[in-house]
Amino acid sequence: MIQIFGTLKNFDVKTAQRWFSERRISVQFVDLKEKVMSRGEFDSVVDAIARTCGSRADAIEELIDKKSKEYASIAYLDDSEKADKLFENQLKLLKQPVCRNGKQTATVGLQQKVWENWSL
């Protein structure tokens, strides 16, 4: 089951939803305004992204929305503190959409080329 984490007002989230819908792929949408990721979900997403980008610290950097108004609050923290700050402020700091295919694979942002390779 594909999960999309984001907010309904985010243009990239709408694009991701449309992409899956056009291919008749059912998704579970999780609105971050109503329910943020649990610690287990968050860690699972970070680990899945770390598999493709190299390290957990790189995965955290991928997940941070550098265009966010709140970016200054996380930009200069140590890597160990960034994960906690991002987890605590998902709605304001998380780059959207976060798409997860099971526990092993996840993407951040629009990644249609990757989604095409997911065995659905």
PDB file of N, CA and C in Angstrom:
ATOM      1  N   MET A   1       0.848  -1.188   0.000  1.00  0.00           N
ATOM      2  CA  MET A   1       0.000   0.000   0.000  1.00  0.00           C
ATOM      3  C   MET A   1       0.889   1.244   0.000  1.00  0.00           C
ATOM      4  N   ILE A   2       0.575   2.150  -0.891  1.00  0.00           N
ATOM      5  CA  ILE A   2       1.298   3.418  -0.999  1.00  0.00           C
ATOM      6  C   ILE A   2       0.682   4.409  -0.010  1.00  0.00           C
ATOM      7  N   GLN A   3       1.540   5.092   0.726  1.00  0.00           N
ATOM      8  CA  GLN A   3       1.095   6.157   1.615  1.00  0.00           C
ATOM      9  C   GLN A   3       1.695   7.461   1.128  1.00  0.00           C
ATOM     10  N   ILE A   4       0.884   8.508   1.138  1.00  0.00           N
ATOM     11  CA  ILE A   4       1.362   9.852   0.812  1.00  0.00           C
ATOM     12  C   ILE A   4       1.160  10.704   2.058  1.00  0.00           C
ATOM     13  N   PHE A   5       2.254  11.253   2.571  1.00  0.00           N
ATOM     14  CA  PHE A   5       2.200  12.155   3.714  1.00  0.00           C
ATOM     15  C   PHE A   5       2.352  13.576   3.190  1.00  0.00           C
ATOM     16  N   GLY A   6       1.459  14.464   3.603  1.00  0.00           N
ATOM     17  CA  GLY A   6       1.543  15.851   3.176  1.00  0.00           C
ATOM     18  C   GLY A   6       0.311  16.611   3.611  1.00  0.00           C
ATOM     19  N   THR A   7       0.101  17.770   2.997  1.00  0.00           N
ATOM     20  CA  THR A   7      -1.075  18.582   3.284  1.00  0.00           C
ATOM     21  C   THR A   7      -1.846  18.802   1.984  1.00  0.00           C
ATOM     22  N   LEU A   8      -3.134  18.990   2.108  1.00  0.00           N
ATOM     23  CA  LEU A   8      -3.983  19.134   0.925  1.00  0.00           C
ATOM     24  C   LEU A   8      -3.711  20.415   0.138  1.00  0.00           C
ATOM     25  N   LYS A   9      -3.118  21.413   0.775  1.00  0.00           N
ATOM     26  CA  LYS A   9      -2.845  22.676   0.084  1.00  0.00           C
ATOM     27  C   LYS A   9      -1.537  22.657  -0.694  1.00  0.00           C
ATOM     28  N   ASN A  10      -0.720  21.636  -0.499  1.00  0.00           N
ATOM     29  CA  ASN A  10       0.583  21.578  -1.146  1.00  0.00           C
ATOM     30  C   ASN A  10       0.430  21.121  -2.602  1.00  0.00           C
ATOM     31  N   PHE A  11       0.946  21.911  -3.530  1.00  0.00           N
ATOM     32  CA  PHE A  11       0.812  21.622  -4.959  1.00  0.00           C
ATOM     33  C   PHE A  11       1.472  20.286  -5.328  1.00  0.00           C
ATOM     34  N   ASP A  12       2.652  20.008  -4.793  1.00  0.00           N
ATOM     35  CA  ASP A  12       3.343  18.756  -5.119  1.00  0.00           C
ATOM     36  C   ASP A  12       2.595  17.539  -4.584  1.00  0.00           C
ATOM     37  N   VAL A  13       1.928  17.689  -3.455  1.00  0.00           N
ATOM     38  CA  VAL A  13       1.113  16.596  -2.905  1.00  0.00           C
ATOM     39  C   VAL A  13      -0.047  16.308  -3.857  1.00  0.00           C
ATOM     40  N   LYS A  14      -0.706  17.367  -4.334  1.00  0.00           N
ATOM     41  CA  LYS A  14      -1.811  17.198  -5.282  1.00  0.00           C
ATOM     42  C   LYS A  14      -1.322  16.525  -6.565  1.00  0.00           C
ATOM     43  N   THR A  15      -0.133  16.909  -7.015  1.00  0.00           N
ATOM     44  CA  THR A  15       0.442  16.310  -8.220  1.00  0.00           C
ATOM     45  C   THR A  15       0.701  14.826  -8.009  1.00  0.00           C
ATOM     46  N   ALA A  16       1.241  14.464  -6.856  1.00  0.00           N
ATOM     47  CA  ALA A  16       1.507  13.055  -6.549  1.00  0.00           C
ATOM     48  C   ALA A  16       0.199  12.268  -6.485  1.00  0.00           C
ATOM     49  N   GLN A  17      -0.806  12.819  -5.828  1.00  0.00           N
ATOM     50  CA  GLN A  17      -2.101  12.143  -5.748  1.00  0.00           C
ATOM     51  C   GLN A  17      -2.675  11.909  -7.147  1.00  0.00           C
ATOM     52  N   ARG A  18      -2.586  12.920  -7.991  1.00  0.00           N
ATOM     53  CA  ARG A  18      -3.095  12.810  -9.365  1.00  0.00           C
ATOM     54  C   ARG A  18      -2.313  11.755 -10.145  1.00  0.00           C
ATOM     55  N   TRP A  19      -0.988  11.725  -9.964  1.00  0.00           N
ATOM     56  CA  TRP A  19      -0.142  10.760 -10.678  1.00  0.00           C
ATOM     57  C   TRP A  19      -0.582   9.331 -10.364  1.00  0.00           C
ATOM     58  N   PHE A  20      -0.753   9.020  -9.083  1.00  0.00           N
ATOM     59  CA  PHE A  20      -1.184   7.674  -8.694  1.00  0.00           C
ATOM     60  C   PHE A  20      -2.619   7.406  -9.139  1.00  0.00           C
ATOM     61  N   SER A  21      -3.486   8.404  -9.025  1.00  0.00           N
ATOM     62  CA  SER A  21      -4.885   8.253  -9.410  1.00  0.00           C
ATOM     63  C   SER A  21      -5.025   7.945 -10.900  1.00  0.00           C
ATOM     64  N   GLU A  22      -4.251   8.648 -11.735  1.00  0.00           N
ATOM     65  CA  GLU A  22      -4.301   8.428 -13.184  1.00  0.00           C
ATOM     66  C   GLU A  22      -3.903   7.009 -13.564  1.00  0.00           C
ATOM     67  N   ARG A  23      -3.125   6.364 -12.715  1.00  0.00           N
ATOM     68  CA  ARG A  23      -2.677   4.993 -12.974  1.00  0.00           C
ATOM     69  C   ARG A  23      -3.518   3.978 -12.199  1.00  0.00           C
ATOM     70  N   ARG A  24      -4.586   4.468 -11.620  1.00  0.00           N
ATOM     71  CA  ARG A  24      -5.511   3.633 -10.840  1.00  0.00           C
ATOM     72  C   ARG A  24      -4.802   2.864  -9.721  1.00  0.00           C
ATOM     73  N   ILE A  25      -3.881   3.559  -9.069  1.00  0.00           N
ATOM     74  CA  ILE A  25      -3.144   2.984  -7.938  1.00  0.00           C
ATOM     75  C   ILE A  25      -3.743   3.584  -6.672  1.00  0.00           C
ATOM     76  N   SER A  26      -4.258   2.724  -5.811  1.00  0.00           N
ATOM     77  CA  SER A  26      -4.868   3.244  -4.586  1.00  0.00           C
ATOM     78  C   SER A  26      -3.779   3.664  -3.599  1.00  0.00           C
ATOM     79  N   VAL A  27      -4.041   4.768  -2.953  1.00  0.00           N
ATOM     80  CA  VAL A  27      -3.091   5.292  -1.975  1.00  0.00           C
ATOM     81  C   VAL A  27      -3.834   5.627  -0.689  1.00  0.00           C
ATOM     82  N   GLN A  28      -3.083   5.652   0.391  1.00  0.00           N
ATOM     83  CA  GLN A  28      -3.609   6.144   1.655  1.00  0.00           C
ATOM     84  C   GLN A  28      -2.985   7.513   1.864  1.00  0.00           C
ATOM     85  N   PHE A  29      -3.819   8.539   1.916  1.00  0.00           N
ATOM     86  CA  PHE A  29      -3.319   9.887   2.141  1.00  0.00           C
ATOM     87  C   PHE A  29      -3.348  10.191   3.627  1.00  0.00           C
ATOM     88  N   VAL A  30      -2.231  10.684   4.153  1.00  0.00           N
ATOM     89  CA  VAL A  30      -2.147  11.074   5.557  1.00  0.00           C
ATOM     90  C   VAL A  30      -1.911  12.581   5.588  1.00  0.00           C
ATOM     91  N   ASP A  31      -2.939  13.314   6.032  1.00  0.00           N
ATOM     92  CA  ASP A  31      -2.861  14.768   6.111  1.00  0.00           C
ATOM     93  C   ASP A  31      -2.084  15.141   7.373  1.00  0.00           C
ATOM     94  N   LEU A  32      -0.922  15.741   7.177  1.00  0.00           N
ATOM     95  CA  LEU A  32      -0.065  16.095   8.310  1.00  0.00           C
ATOM     96  C   LEU A  32      -0.693  17.145   9.222  1.00  0.00           C
ATOM     97  N   LYS A  33      -1.729  17.840   8.734  1.00  0.00           N
ATOM     98  CA  LYS A  33      -2.415  18.801   9.598  1.00  0.00           C
ATOM     99  C   LYS A  33      -3.289  18.077  10.616  1.00  0.00           C
ATOM    100  N   GLU A  34      -3.702  16.854  10.265  1.00  0.00           N
ATOM    101  CA  GLU A  34      -4.564  16.083  11.167  1.00  0.00           C
ATOM    102  C   GLU A  34      -3.776  15.071  11.992  1.00  0.00           C
ATOM    103  N   LYS A  35      -2.767  14.465  11.376  1.00  0.00           N
ATOM    104  CA  LYS A  35      -2.023  13.404  12.067  1.00  0.00           C
ATOM    105  C   LYS A  35      -0.603  13.351  11.496  1.00  0.00           C
ATOM    106  N   VAL A  36       0.377  13.626  12.334  1.00  0.00           N
ATOM    107  CA  VAL A  36       1.767  13.546  11.893  1.00  0.00           C
ATOM    108  C   VAL A  36       2.243  12.095  11.976  1.00  0.00           C
ATOM    109  N   MET A  37       3.381  11.832  11.376  1.00  0.00           N
ATOM    110  CA  MET A  37       3.956  10.489  11.429  1.00  0.00           C
ATOM    111  C   MET A  37       4.308  10.126  12.866  1.00  0.00           C
ATOM    112  N   SER A  38       4.088   8.876  13.202  1.00  0.00           N
ATOM    113  CA  SER A  38       4.550   8.387  14.502  1.00  0.00           C
ATOM    114  C   SER A  38       6.071   8.282  14.441  1.00  0.00           C
ATOM    115  N   ARG A  39       6.698   8.097  15.579  1.00  0.00           N
ATOM    116  CA  ARG A  39       8.163   7.975  15.595  1.00  0.00           C
ATOM    117  C   ARG A  39       8.607   6.773  14.752  1.00  0.00           C
ATOM    118  N   GLY A  40       7.873   5.671  14.835  1.00  0.00           N
ATOM    119  CA  GLY A  40       8.205   4.481  14.053  1.00  0.00           C
ATOM    120  C   GLY A  40       8.081   4.731  12.558  1.00  0.00           C
ATOM    121  N   GLU A  41       7.005   5.400  12.130  1.00  0.00           N
ATOM    122  CA  GLU A  41       6.825   5.735  10.710  1.00  0.00           C
ATOM    123  C   GLU A  41       7.936   6.662  10.238  1.00  0.00           C
ATOM    124  N   PHE A  42       8.230   7.666  11.041  1.00  0.00           N
ATOM    125  CA  PHE A  42       9.266   8.640  10.696  1.00  0.00           C
ATOM    126  C   PHE A  42      10.614   7.945  10.522  1.00  0.00           C
ATOM    127  N   ASP A  43      10.988   7.112  11.490  1.00  0.00           N
ATOM    128  CA  ASP A  43      12.264   6.392  11.407  1.00  0.00           C
ATOM    129  C   ASP A  43      12.296   5.448  10.212  1.00  0.00           C
ATOM    130  N   SER A  44      11.170   4.815   9.913  1.00  0.00           N
ATOM    131  CA  SER A  44      11.078   3.918   8.756  1.00  0.00           C
ATOM    132  C   SER A  44      11.306   4.682   7.454  1.00  0.00           C
ATOM    133  N   VAL A  45      10.707   5.868   7.344  1.00  0.00           N
ATOM    134  CA  VAL A  45      10.884   6.702   6.150  1.00  0.00           C
ATOM    135  C   VAL A  45      12.335   7.155   6.035  1.00  0.00           C
ATOM    136  N   VAL A  46      12.914   7.608   7.129  1.00  0.00           N
ATOM    137  CA  VAL A  46      14.319   8.050   7.110  1.00  0.00           C
ATOM    138  C   VAL A  46      15.228   6.896   6.685  1.00  0.00           C
ATOM    139  N   ASP A  47      15.023   5.717   7.245  1.00  0.00           N
ATOM    140  CA  ASP A  47      15.843   4.554   6.884  1.00  0.00           C
ATOM    141  C   ASP A  47      15.688   4.184   5.416  1.00  0.00           C
ATOM    142  N   ALA A  48      14.457   4.236   4.906  1.00  0.00           N
ATOM    143  CA  ALA A  48      14.213   3.906   3.499  1.00  0.00           C
ATOM    144  C   ALA A  48      14.908   4.902   2.570  1.00  0.00           C
ATOM    145  N   ILE A  49      14.853   6.170   2.907  1.00  0.00           N
ATOM    146  CA  ILE A  49      15.515   7.186   2.082  1.00  0.00           C
ATOM    147  C   ILE A  49      17.027   7.069   2.213  1.00  0.00           C
ATOM    148  N   ALA A  50      17.507   6.720   3.396  1.00  0.00           N
ATOM    149  CA  ALA A  50      18.950   6.545   3.612  1.00  0.00           C
ATOM    150  C   ALA A  50      19.510   5.430   2.728  1.00  0.00           C
ATOM    151  N   ARG A  51      18.704   4.417   2.422  1.00  0.00           N
ATOM    152  CA  ARG A  51      19.167   3.326   1.546  1.00  0.00           C
ATOM    153  C   ARG A  51      19.532   3.837   0.155  1.00  0.00           C
ATOM    154  N   THR A  52      18.844   4.877  -0.308  1.00  0.00           N
ATOM    155  CA  THR A  52      19.116   5.387  -1.652  1.00  0.00           C
ATOM    156  C   THR A  52      20.114   6.540  -1.677  1.00  0.00           C
ATOM    157  N   CYS A  53      20.203   7.295  -0.580  1.00  0.00           N
ATOM    158  CA  CYS A  53      21.093   8.462  -0.613  1.00  0.00           C
ATOM    159  C   CYS A  53      22.371   8.282   0.197  1.00  0.00           C
ATOM    160  N   GLY A  54      22.522   7.162   0.875  1.00  0.00           N
ATOM    161  CA  GLY A  54      23.800   6.887   1.515  1.00  0.00           C
ATOM    162  C   GLY A  54      23.812   6.803   3.025  1.00  0.00           C
ATOM    163  N   SER A  55      23.304   7.837   3.693  1.00  0.00           N
ATOM    164  CA  SER A  55      23.384   7.818   5.159  1.00  0.00           C
ATOM    165  C   SER A  55      22.124   8.422   5.768  1.00  0.00           C
ATOM    166  N   ARG A  56      21.956   8.187   7.033  1.00  0.00           N
ATOM    167  CA  ARG A  56      20.801   8.731   7.756  1.00  0.00           C
ATOM    168  C   ARG A  56      20.844  10.267   7.768  1.00  0.00           C
ATOM    169  N   ALA A  57      22.038  10.823   7.941  1.00  0.00           N
ATOM    170  CA  ALA A  57      22.178  12.287   7.945  1.00  0.00           C
ATOM    171  C   ALA A  57      21.783  12.874   6.588  1.00  0.00           C
ATOM    172  N   ASP A  58      22.181  12.205   5.502  1.00  0.00           N
ATOM    173  CA  ASP A  58      21.797  12.663   4.155  1.00  0.00           C
ATOM    174  C   ASP A  58      20.289  12.562   3.968  1.00  0.00           C
ATOM    175  N   ALA A  59      19.692  11.505   4.505  1.00  0.00           N
ATOM    176  CA  ALA A  59      18.242  11.325   4.395  1.00  0.00           C
ATOM    177  C   ALA A  59      17.496  12.449   5.115  1.00  0.00           C
ATOM    178  N   ILE A  60      17.982  12.818   6.292  1.00  0.00           N
ATOM    179  CA  ILE A  60      17.365  13.922   7.042  1.00  0.00           C
ATOM    180  C   ILE A  60      17.450  15.208   6.221  1.00  0.00           C
ATOM    181  N   GLU A  61      18.609  15.461   5.621  1.00  0.00           N
ATOM    182  CA  GLU A  61      18.775  16.653   4.775  1.00  0.00           C
ATOM    183  C   GLU A  61      17.791  16.642   3.611  1.00  0.00           C
ATOM    184  N   GLU A  62      17.585  15.468   3.005  1.00  0.00           N
ATOM    185  CA  GLU A  62      16.618  15.326   1.906  1.00  0.00           C
ATOM    186  C   GLU A  62      15.217  15.702   2.360  1.00  0.00           C
ATOM    187  N   LEU A  63      14.874  15.320   3.577  1.00  0.00           N
ATOM    188  CA  LEU A  63      13.518  15.517   4.093  1.00  0.00           C
ATOM    189  C   LEU A  63      13.223  16.947   4.540  1.00  0.00           C
ATOM    190  N   ILE A  64      14.244  17.749   4.744  1.00  0.00           N
ATOM    191  CA  ILE A  64      14.035  19.116   5.228  1.00  0.00           C
ATOM    192  C   ILE A  64      13.658  20.027   4.059  1.00  0.00           C
ATOM    193  N   ASP A  65      12.573  20.769   4.254  1.00  0.00           N
ATOM    194  CA  ASP A  65      12.133  21.740   3.257  1.00  0.00           C
ATOM    195  C   ASP A  65      12.949  23.019   3.447  1.00  0.00           C
ATOM    196  N   LYS A  66      13.921  23.211   2.579  1.00  0.00           N
ATOM    197  CA  LYS A  66      14.826  24.351   2.709  1.00  0.00           C
ATOM    198  C   LYS A  66      14.153  25.678   2.334  1.00  0.00           C
ATOM    199  N   LYS A  67      12.964  25.620   1.751  1.00  0.00           N
ATOM    200  CA  LYS A  67      12.222  26.831   1.403  1.00  0.00           C
ATOM    201  C   LYS A  67      11.259  27.242   2.522  1.00  0.00           C
ATOM    202  N   SER A  68      11.180  26.429   3.562  1.00  0.00           N
ATOM    203  CA  SER A  68      10.273  26.692   4.673  1.00  0.00           C
ATOM    204  C   SER A  68      10.683  27.945   5.441  1.00  0.00           C
ATOM    205  N   LYS A  69       9.700  28.645   5.950  1.00  0.00           N
ATOM    206  CA  LYS A  69       9.969  29.816   6.795  1.00  0.00           C
ATOM    207  C   LYS A  69      10.688  29.407   8.069  1.00  0.00           C
ATOM    208  N   GLU A  70      10.506  28.157   8.463  1.00  0.00           N
ATOM    209  CA  GLU A  70      11.104  27.643   9.695  1.00  0.00           C
ATOM    210  C   GLU A  70      12.507  27.062   9.483  1.00  0.00           C
ATOM    211  N   TYR A  71      13.007  27.093   8.264  1.00  0.00           N
ATOM    212  CA  TYR A  71      14.291  26.447   7.949  1.00  0.00           C
ATOM    213  C   TYR A  71      15.431  26.944   8.835  1.00  0.00           C
ATOM    214  N   ALA A  72      15.439  28.218   9.171  1.00  0.00           N
ATOM    215  CA  ALA A  72      16.517  28.777  10.004  1.00  0.00           C
ATOM    216  C   ALA A  72      16.589  28.092  11.370  1.00  0.00           C
ATOM    217  N   SER A  73      15.463  27.553  11.836  1.00  0.00           N
ATOM    218  CA  SER A  73      15.453  26.914  13.156  1.00  0.00           C
ATOM    219  C   SER A  73      16.164  25.553  13.151  1.00  0.00           C
ATOM    220  N   ILE A  74      16.453  25.022  11.971  1.00  0.00           N
ATOM    221  CA  ILE A  74      17.073  23.694  11.885  1.00  0.00           C
ATOM    222  C   ILE A  74      18.403  23.722  11.128  1.00  0.00           C
ATOM    223  N   ALA A  75      18.626  24.764  10.361  1.00  0.00           N
ATOM    224  CA  ALA A  75      19.770  24.817   9.443  1.00  0.00           C
ATOM    225  C   ALA A  75      21.126  24.617  10.114  1.00  0.00           C
ATOM    226  N   TYR A  76      21.306  25.130  11.310  1.00  0.00           N
ATOM    227  CA  TYR A  76      22.634  25.113  11.930  1.00  0.00           C
ATOM    228  C   TYR A  76      22.754  24.132  13.093  1.00  0.00           C
ATOM    229  N   LEU A  77      21.789  23.255  13.219  1.00  0.00           N
ATOM    230  CA  LEU A  77      21.855  22.245  14.283  1.00  0.00           C
ATOM    231  C   LEU A  77      22.803  21.115  13.898  1.00  0.00           C
ATOM    232  N   ASP A  78      23.288  20.389  14.903  1.00  0.00           N
ATOM    233  CA  ASP A  78      24.068  19.169  14.650  1.00  0.00           C
ATOM    234  C   ASP A  78      23.155  18.146  14.006  1.00  0.00           C
ATOM    235  N   ASP A  79      23.750  17.218  13.258  1.00  0.00           N
ATOM    236  CA  ASP A  79      22.960  16.181  12.601  1.00  0.00           C
ATOM    237  C   ASP A  79      22.078  15.424  13.586  1.00  0.00           C
ATOM    238  N   SER A  80      22.611  15.162  14.774  1.00  0.00           N
ATOM    239  CA  SER A  80      21.852  14.400  15.771  1.00  0.00           C
ATOM    240  C   SER A  80      20.610  15.173  16.234  1.00  0.00           C
ATOM    241  N   GLU A  81      20.677  16.490  16.243  1.00  0.00           N
ATOM    242  CA  GLU A  81      19.548  17.302  16.681  1.00  0.00           C
ATOM    243  C   GLU A  81      18.539  17.550  15.555  1.00  0.00           C
ATOM    244  N   LYS A  82      19.003  17.509  14.308  1.00  0.00           N
ATOM    245  CA  LYS A  82      18.124  17.785  13.173  1.00  0.00           C
ATOM    246  C   LYS A  82      16.988  16.776  13.079  1.00  0.00           C
ATOM    247  N   ALA A  83      17.290  15.503  13.298  1.00  0.00           N
ATOM    248  CA  ALA A  83      16.250  14.469  13.203  1.00  0.00           C
ATOM    249  C   ALA A  83      15.137  14.727  14.213  1.00  0.00           C
ATOM    250  N   ASP A  84      15.498  15.040  15.443  1.00  0.00           N
ATOM    251  CA  ASP A  84      14.492  15.298  16.475  1.00  0.00           C
ATOM    252  C   ASP A  84      13.684  16.554  16.160  1.00  0.00           C
ATOM    253  N   LYS A  85      14.358  17.596  15.717  1.00  0.00           N
ATOM    254  CA  LYS A  85      13.678  18.853  15.378  1.00  0.00           C
ATOM    255  C   LYS A  85      12.715  18.636  14.214  1.00  0.00           C
ATOM    256  N   LEU A  86      13.144  17.879  13.205  1.00  0.00           N
ATOM    257  CA  LEU A  86      12.289  17.589  12.062  1.00  0.00           C
ATOM    258  C   LEU A  86      11.078  16.760  12.485  1.00  0.00           C
ATOM    259  N   PHE A  87      11.309  15.756  13.333  1.00  0.00           N
ATOM    260  CA  PHE A  87      10.207  14.924  13.820  1.00  0.00           C
ATOM    261  C   PHE A  87       9.189  15.764  14.584  1.00  0.00           C
ATOM    262  N   GLU A  88       9.679  16.656  15.419  1.00  0.00           N
ATOM    263  CA  GLU A  88       8.794  17.481  16.252  1.00  0.00           C
ATOM    264  C   GLU A  88       8.029  18.530  15.446  1.00  0.00           C
ATOM    265  N   ASN A  89       8.561  18.930  14.304  1.00  0.00           N
ATOM    266  CA  ASN A  89       7.962  20.006  13.495  1.00  0.00           C
ATOM    267  C   ASN A  89       7.691  19.551  12.061  1.00  0.00           C
ATOM    268  N   GLN A  90       7.107  18.376  11.907  1.00  0.00           N
ATOM    269  CA  GLN A  90       6.875  17.807  10.570  1.00  0.00           C
ATOM    270  C   GLN A  90       6.058  18.734   9.673  1.00  0.00           C
ATOM    271  N   LEU A  91       5.027  19.312  10.222  1.00  0.00           N
ATOM    272  CA  LEU A  91       4.135  20.140   9.412  1.00  0.00           C
ATOM    273  C   LEU A  91       4.861  21.348   8.814  1.00  0.00           C
ATOM    274  N   LYS A  92       5.779  21.936   9.571  1.00  0.00           N
ATOM    275  CA  LYS A  92       6.451  23.150   9.114  1.00  0.00           C
ATOM    276  C   LYS A  92       7.772  22.888   8.396  1.00  0.00           C
ATOM    277  N   LEU A  93       8.433  21.755   8.665  1.00  0.00           N
ATOM    278  CA  LEU A  93       9.791  21.549   8.151  1.00  0.00           C
ATOM    279  C   LEU A  93       9.935  20.421   7.121  1.00  0.00           C
ATOM    280  N   LEU A  94       8.932  19.557   7.015  1.00  0.00           N
ATOM    281  CA  LEU A  94       9.055  18.386   6.154  1.00  0.00           C
ATOM    282  C   LEU A  94       8.756  18.743   4.702  1.00  0.00           C
ATOM    283  N   LYS A  95       9.675  18.380   3.821  1.00  0.00           N
ATOM    284  CA  LYS A  95       9.448  18.560   2.390  1.00  0.00           C
ATOM    285  C   LYS A  95       8.351  17.587   1.968  1.00  0.00           C
ATOM    286  N   GLN A  96       7.431  18.060   1.150  1.00  0.00           N
ATOM    287  CA  GLN A  96       6.293  17.243   0.756  1.00  0.00           C
ATOM    288  C   GLN A  96       6.274  17.013  -0.752  1.00  0.00           C
ATOM    289  N   PRO A  97       5.686  15.946  -1.201  1.00  0.00           N
ATOM    290  CA  PRO A  97       5.095  14.845  -0.451  1.00  0.00           C
ATOM    291  C   PRO A  97       6.159  13.818  -0.047  1.00  0.00           C
ATOM    292  N   VAL A  98       5.880  13.095   1.011  1.00  0.00           N
ATOM    293  CA  VAL A  98       6.666  11.922   1.370  1.00  0.00           C
ATOM    294  C   VAL A  98       5.803  10.731   0.965  1.00  0.00           C
ATOM    295  N   CYS A  99       6.305   9.922   0.039  1.00  0.00           N
ATOM    296  CA  CYS A  99       5.564   8.751  -0.435  1.00  0.00           C
ATOM    297  C   CYS A  99       6.293   7.506   0.037  1.00  0.00           C
ATOM    298  N   ARG A 100       5.523   6.586   0.584  1.00  0.00           N
ATOM    299  CA  ARG A 100       6.119   5.369   1.127  1.00  0.00           C
ATOM    300  C   ARG A 100       5.433   4.162   0.520  1.00  0.00           C
ATOM    301  N   ASN A 101       6.248   3.223   0.055  1.00  0.00           N
ATOM    302  CA  ASN A 101       5.747   1.965  -0.500  1.00  0.00           C
ATOM    303  C   ASN A 101       6.215   0.862   0.445  1.00  0.00           C
ATOM    304  N   GLY A 102       5.368   0.489   1.391  1.00  0.00           N
ATOM    305  CA  GLY A 102       5.779  -0.471   2.409  1.00  0.00           C
ATOM    306  C   GLY A 102       6.800   0.170   3.342  1.00  0.00           C
ATOM    307  N   LYS A 103       7.609  -0.648   3.971  1.00  0.00           N
ATOM    308  CA  LYS A 103       8.602  -0.118   4.908  1.00  0.00           C
ATOM    309  C   LYS A 103       9.985   0.008   4.299  1.00  0.00           C
ATOM    310  N   GLN A 104      10.171  -0.550   3.111  1.00  0.00           N
ATOM    311  CA  GLN A 104      11.508  -0.597   2.532  1.00  0.00           C
ATOM    312  C   GLN A 104      11.830   0.565   1.596  1.00  0.00           C
ATOM    313  N   THR A 105      10.822   1.164   0.975  1.00  0.00           N
ATOM    314  CA  THR A 105      11.091   2.231   0.013  1.00  0.00           C
ATOM    315  C   THR A 105      10.242   3.468   0.304  1.00  0.00           C
ATOM    316  N   ALA A 106      10.866   4.617   0.106  1.00  0.00           N
ATOM    317  CA  ALA A 106      10.180   5.892   0.302  1.00  0.00           C
ATOM    318  C   ALA A 106      10.864   6.952  -0.552  1.00  0.00           C
ATOM    319  N   THR A 107      10.104   7.980  -0.884  1.00  0.00           N
ATOM    320  CA  THR A 107      10.648   9.104  -1.635  1.00  0.00           C
ATOM    321  C   THR A 107      10.189  10.401  -0.977  1.00  0.00           C
ATOM    322  N   VAL A 108      10.895  11.453  -1.266  1.00  0.00           N
ATOM    323  CA  VAL A 108      10.503  12.784  -0.805  1.00  0.00           C
ATOM    324  C   VAL A 108      10.471  13.690  -2.030  1.00  0.00           C
ATOM    325  N   GLY A 109       9.425  14.500  -2.135  1.00  0.00           N
ATOM    326  CA  GLY A 109       9.242  15.329  -3.317  1.00  0.00           C
ATOM    327  C   GLY A 109       8.629  14.511  -4.448  1.00  0.00           C
ATOM    328  N   LEU A 110       8.562  15.115  -5.622  1.00  0.00           N
ATOM    329  CA  LEU A 110       8.000  14.428  -6.785  1.00  0.00           C
ATOM    330  C   LEU A 110       9.066  13.523  -7.403  1.00  0.00           C
ATOM    331  N   GLN A 111       8.800  12.235  -7.416  1.00  0.00           N
ATOM    332  CA  GLN A 111       9.772  11.243  -7.890  1.00  0.00           C
ATOM    333  C   GLN A 111       9.085  10.227  -8.810  1.00  0.00           C
ATOM    334  N   GLN A 112       8.416  10.725  -9.863  1.00  0.00           N
ATOM    335  CA  GLN A 112       7.644   9.853 -10.727  1.00  0.00           C
ATOM    336  C   GLN A 112       8.474   8.720 -11.332  1.00  0.00           C
ATOM    337  N   LYS A 113       9.723   8.989 -11.663  1.00  0.00           N
ATOM    338  CA  LYS A 113      10.587   7.934 -12.242  1.00  0.00           C
ATOM    339  C   LYS A 113      10.763   6.782 -11.244  1.00  0.00           C
ATOM    340  N   VAL A 114      10.916   7.100  -9.978  1.00  0.00           N
ATOM    341  CA  VAL A 114      11.063   6.071  -8.949  1.00  0.00           C
ATOM    342  C   VAL A 114       9.741   5.337  -8.773  1.00  0.00           C
ATOM    343  N   TRP A 115       8.642   6.078  -8.739  1.00  0.00           N
ATOM    344  CA  TRP A 115       7.334   5.465  -8.521  1.00  0.00           C
ATOM    345  C   TRP A 115       7.012   4.465  -9.632  1.00  0.00           C
ATOM    346  N   GLU A 116       7.431   4.771 -10.858  1.00  0.00           N
ATOM    347  CA  GLU A 116       7.177   3.861 -11.985  1.00  0.00           C
ATOM    348  C   GLU A 116       7.809   2.495 -11.749  1.00  0.00           C
ATOM    349  N   ASN A 117       8.896   2.452 -11.000  1.00  0.00           N
ATOM    350  CA  ASN A 117       9.607   1.185 -10.757  1.00  0.00           C
ATOM    351  C   ASN A 117       9.089   0.428  -9.537  1.00  0.00           C
ATOM    352  N   TRP A 118       8.171   1.023  -8.793  1.00  0.00           N
ATOM    353  CA  TRP A 118       7.611   0.319  -7.652  1.00  0.00           C
ATOM    354  C   TRP A 118       6.701  -0.778  -8.168  1.00  0.00           C
ATOM    355  N   SER A 119       6.893  -1.984  -7.697  1.00  0.00           N
ATOM    356  CA  SER A 119       6.012  -3.077  -8.117  1.00  0.00           C
ATOM    357  C   SER A 119       4.696  -2.953  -7.362  1.00  0.00           C
ATOM    358  N   LEU A 120       3.673  -2.590  -8.085  1.00  0.00           N
ATOM    359  CA  LEU A 120       2.389  -2.267  -7.447  1.00  0.00           C
ATOM    360  C   LEU A 120       1.350  -3.320  -7.706  1.00  0.00           C
TER     361      LEU A 120
END
